[in-house]
C-alpha atoms as a PDB file:
ATOM      1  CA  MET A   1     120.479 117.369  85.554  1.00  0.00           C
ATOM      2  CA  ILE A   2     118.947 114.922  87.971  1.00  0.00           C
ATOM      3  CA  LYS A   3     121.324 113.364  89.709  1.00  0.00           C
ATOM      4  CA  THR A   4     121.740 110.541  92.930  1.00  0.00           C
ATOM      5  CA  LYS A   5     124.276 110.821  96.234  1.00  0.00           C
ATOM      6  CA  ARG A   6     124.022 108.980  99.309  1.00  0.00           C
ATOM      7  CA  VAL A   7     123.648 112.197 102.249  1.00  0.00           C
ATOM      8  CA  TYR A   8     126.515 110.274 104.178  1.00  0.00           C
ATOM      9  CA  ASP A   9     128.827 111.838 101.209  1.00  0.00           C
ATOM     10  CA  ALA A  10     130.403 114.627 101.475  1.00  0.00           C
ATOM     11  CA  PRO A  11     128.267 117.896 100.066  1.00  0.00           C
ATOM     12  CA  GLN A  12     129.646 119.361  97.115  1.00  0.00           C
ATOM     13  CA  LYS A  13     129.044 123.488  95.261  1.00  0.00           C
ATOM     14  CA  ASN A  14     128.477 120.556  91.576  1.00  0.00           C
ATOM     15  CA  ASP A  15     125.410 119.011  93.601  1.00  0.00           C
ATOM     16  CA  GLY A  16     123.413 121.572  93.323  1.00  0.00           C
ATOM     17  CA  TYR A  17     119.726 122.005  95.142  1.00  0.00           C
ATOM     18  CA  ARG A  18     120.115 119.316  97.539  1.00  0.00           C
ATOM     19  CA  LEU A  19     116.714 117.171  98.087  1.00  0.00           C
ATOM     20  CA  LEU A  20     116.634 114.376 101.120  1.00  0.00           C
ATOM     21  CA  VAL A  21     114.486 111.758  99.190  1.00  0.00           C
ATOM     22  CA  ASP A  22     114.013 108.964 102.432  1.00  0.00           C
ATOM     23  CA  ARG A  23     111.109 109.461 104.563  1.00  0.00           C
ATOM     24  CA  LEU A  24     113.509 108.410 107.407  1.00  0.00           C
ATOM     25  CA  TRP A  25     115.937 110.948 108.540  1.00  0.00           C
ATOM     26  CA  PRO A  26     119.264 110.022 108.080  1.00  0.00           C
ATOM     27  CA  ARG A  27     121.083 107.563 110.887  1.00  0.00           C
ATOM     28  CA  GLY A  28     123.429 109.904 113.266  1.00  0.00           C
ATOM     29  CA  MET A  29     123.525 112.101 110.404  1.00  0.00           C
ATOM     30  CA  SER A  30     122.082 115.933 111.948  1.00  0.00           C
ATOM     31  CA  LYS A  31     119.997 118.088 110.269  1.00  0.00           C
ATOM     32  CA  GLY A  32     123.188 120.429 110.279  1.00  0.00           C
ATOM     33  CA  GLU A  33     125.657 117.632 108.417  1.00  0.00           C
ATOM     34  CA  ALA A  34     123.080 116.345 105.766  1.00  0.00           C
ATOM     35  CA  GLN A  35     123.866 120.113 104.389  1.00  0.00           C
ATOM     36  CA  LEU A  36     119.838 119.895 102.739  1.00  0.00           C
ATOM     37  CA  ASP A  37     117.218 122.591 100.700  1.00  0.00           C
ATOM     38  CA  GLU A  38     114.613 120.295 101.270  1.00  0.00           C
ATOM     39  CA  TRP A  39     113.078 116.930 102.883  1.00  0.00           C
ATOM     40  CA  MET A  40     110.845 115.681 100.336  1.00  0.00           C
ATOM     41  CA  LYS A  41     109.710 112.646 102.164  1.00  0.00           C
ATOM     42  CA  ASP A  42     106.176 112.846 100.709  1.00  0.00           C
ATOM     43  CA  VAL A  43     107.997 111.577  96.828  1.00  0.00           C
ATOM     44  CA  ALA A  44     109.444 108.463  99.004  1.00  0.00           C
ATOM     45  CA  PRO A  45     107.820 105.349  98.878  1.00  0.00           C
ATOM     46  CA  SER A  46     105.788 104.207 101.100  1.00  0.00           C
ATOM     47  CA  GLU A  47     106.394 102.275 104.719  1.00  0.00           C
ATOM     48  CA  GLU A  48     104.282  98.984 103.136  1.00  0.00           C
ATOM     49  CA  LEU A  49     106.688  99.605 100.121  1.00  0.00           C
ATOM     50  CA  ARG A  50     109.379 100.150 101.553  1.00  0.00           C
ATOM     51  CA  ARG A  51     108.776  97.707 104.172  1.00  0.00           C
ATOM     52  CA  PHE A  52     108.190  94.950 101.375  1.00  0.00           C
ATOM     53  CA  TYR A  53     111.492  95.894  99.386  1.00  0.00           C
ATOM     54  CA  GLY A  54     114.273  95.663 102.039  1.00  0.00           C
ATOM     55  CA  HIS A  55     116.324  96.396  99.816  1.00  0.00           C
ATOM     56  CA  ASP A  56     115.565  92.477  98.208  1.00  0.00           C
ATOM     57  CA  ILE A  57     117.434  92.806  94.999  1.00  0.00           C
ATOM     58  CA  SER A  58     115.455  90.731  93.530  1.00  0.00           C
ATOM     59  CA  ARG A  59     112.600  92.949  94.868  1.00  0.00           C
ATOM     60  CA  TRP A  60     113.172  95.450  92.385  1.00  0.00           C
ATOM     61  CA  ASP A  61     111.047  95.066  89.316  1.00  0.00           C
ATOM     62  CA  GLU A  62     108.639  94.808  90.977  1.00  0.00           C
ATOM     63  CA  PHE A  63     109.839  97.538  94.140  1.00  0.00           C
ATOM     64  CA  ARG A  64     110.055  99.889  90.889  1.00  0.00           C
ATOM     65  CA  LYS A  65     107.154  99.067  88.968  1.00  0.00           C
ATOM     66  CA  ARG A  66     105.071  99.799  92.749  1.00  0.00           C
ATOM     67  CA  TYR A  67     107.205 102.793  93.358  1.00  0.00           C
ATOM     68  CA  PHE A  68     106.567 104.299  90.183  1.00  0.00           C
ATOM     69  CA  GLU A  69     102.660 103.795  91.041  1.00  0.00           C
ATOM     70  CA  GLU A  70     102.952 105.327  93.751  1.00  0.00           C
ATOM     71  CA  LEU A  71     104.680 108.601  92.179  1.00  0.00           C
ATOM     72  CA  SER A  72     102.293 108.390  89.054  1.00  0.00           C
ATOM     73  CA  ASP A  73      99.731 110.143  92.888  1.00  0.00           C
ATOM     74  CA  LYS A  74     101.990 112.694  92.900  1.00  0.00           C
ATOM     75  CA  GLU A  75     102.118 114.735  90.586  1.00  0.00           C
ATOM     76  CA  GLU A  76     103.168 117.761  92.244  1.00  0.00           C
ATOM     77  CA  LEU A  77     106.201 116.868  93.886  1.00  0.00           C
ATOM     78  CA  ILE A  78     107.220 115.503  90.954  1.00  0.00           C
ATOM     79  CA  LYS A  79     106.370 118.139  89.012  1.00  0.00           C
ATOM     80  CA  ALA A  80     108.082 120.551  92.028  1.00  0.00           C
ATOM     81  CA  ILE A  81     111.769 118.509  91.717  1.00  0.00           C
ATOM     82  CA  MET A  82     111.505 118.211  87.353  1.00  0.00           C
ATOM     83  CA  GLU A  83     110.703 122.713  87.905  1.00  0.00           C
ATOM     84  CA  LYS A  84     114.019 122.804  90.259  1.00  0.00           C
ATOM     85  CA  SER A  85     115.560 120.312  87.605  1.00  0.00           C
ATOM     86  CA  SER A  86     115.287 123.226  84.771  1.00  0.00           C
ATOM     87  CA  GLN A  87     116.529 125.676  86.785  1.00  0.00           C
ATOM     88  CA  GLY A  88     120.114 123.522  87.498  1.00  0.00           C
ATOM     89  CA  THR A  89     121.503 120.115  88.998  1.00  0.00           C
ATOM     90  CA  VAL A  90     119.210 118.157  91.655  1.00  0.00           C
ATOM     91  CA  THR A  91     120.851 115.926  93.690  1.00  0.00           C
ATOM     92  CA  LEU A  92     118.153 113.312  94.794  1.00  0.00           C
ATOM     93  CA  LEU A  93     119.755 112.191  98.561  1.00  0.00           C
ATOM     94  CA  PHE A  94     119.394 108.789  99.665  1.00  0.00           C
ATOM     95  CA  ALA A  95     120.966 106.218 102.886  1.00  0.00           C
ATOM     96  CA  ALA A  96     120.673 103.038 101.319  1.00  0.00           C
ATOM     97  CA  LYS A  97     124.399 101.860 101.161  1.00  0.00           C
ATOM     98  CA  ASP A  98     123.024 100.149  97.265  1.00  0.00           C
ATOM     99  CA  SER A  99     123.306 103.521  95.442  1.00  0.00           C
ATOM    100  CA  GLU A 100     122.318 101.050  92.352  1.00  0.00           C
ATOM    101  CA  HIS A 101     118.894 100.061  93.813  1.00  0.00           C
ATOM    102  CA  SER A 102     117.874 102.559  95.663  1.00  0.00           C
ATOM    103  CA  ASN A 103     114.504 104.503  96.394  1.00  0.00           C
ATOM    104  CA  ALA A 104     116.475 107.331  94.478  1.00  0.00           C
ATOM    105  CA  ALA A 105     117.588 105.701  91.983  1.00  0.00           C
ATOM    106  CA  ALA A 106     114.370 104.763  90.022  1.00  0.00           C
ATOM    107  CA  LEU A 107     112.753 108.379  91.080  1.00  0.00           C
ATOM    108  CA  LYS A 108     115.330 109.302  89.020  1.00  0.00           C
ATOM    109  CA  GLU A 109     114.300 106.765  86.182  1.00  0.00           C
ATOM    110  CA  TYR A 110     111.200 107.874  86.129  1.00  0.00           C
ATOM    111  CA  LEU A 111     111.898 111.756  86.298  1.00  0.00           C
ATOM    112  CA  GLU A 112     113.878 111.528  82.972  1.00  0.00           C
ATOM    113  CA  ASN A 113     111.591 109.551  82.139  1.00  0.00           C
ATOM    114  CA  LYS A 114     109.054 111.679  82.377  1.00  0.00           C
ATOM    115  CA  LEU A 115     111.513 114.676  81.479  1.00  0.00           C
END
């Protein structure tokens, strides 16, 4: 099972494997507070794509399209996440305020389409 969650929300036991999927470290959060199992910043959107999107919802569809293209070149990372999810819950952590239009939501959609 794959879930998404803001990294600022309190960790819970049912989070399973906690995987930060942002390129930048979350502002104001210590590594201890985050309680991560892994930070996989290379699966995050490229700097160029991140700047293009800028959390402008009108660019969401184009962002997803471009991000999926980037993810198609990251087979090893995608495979690693899918293997973890076959062993139990994986929670994709992100810092954005808009959970429906975050890179983690797009990544979850991409992974679920692969399954």
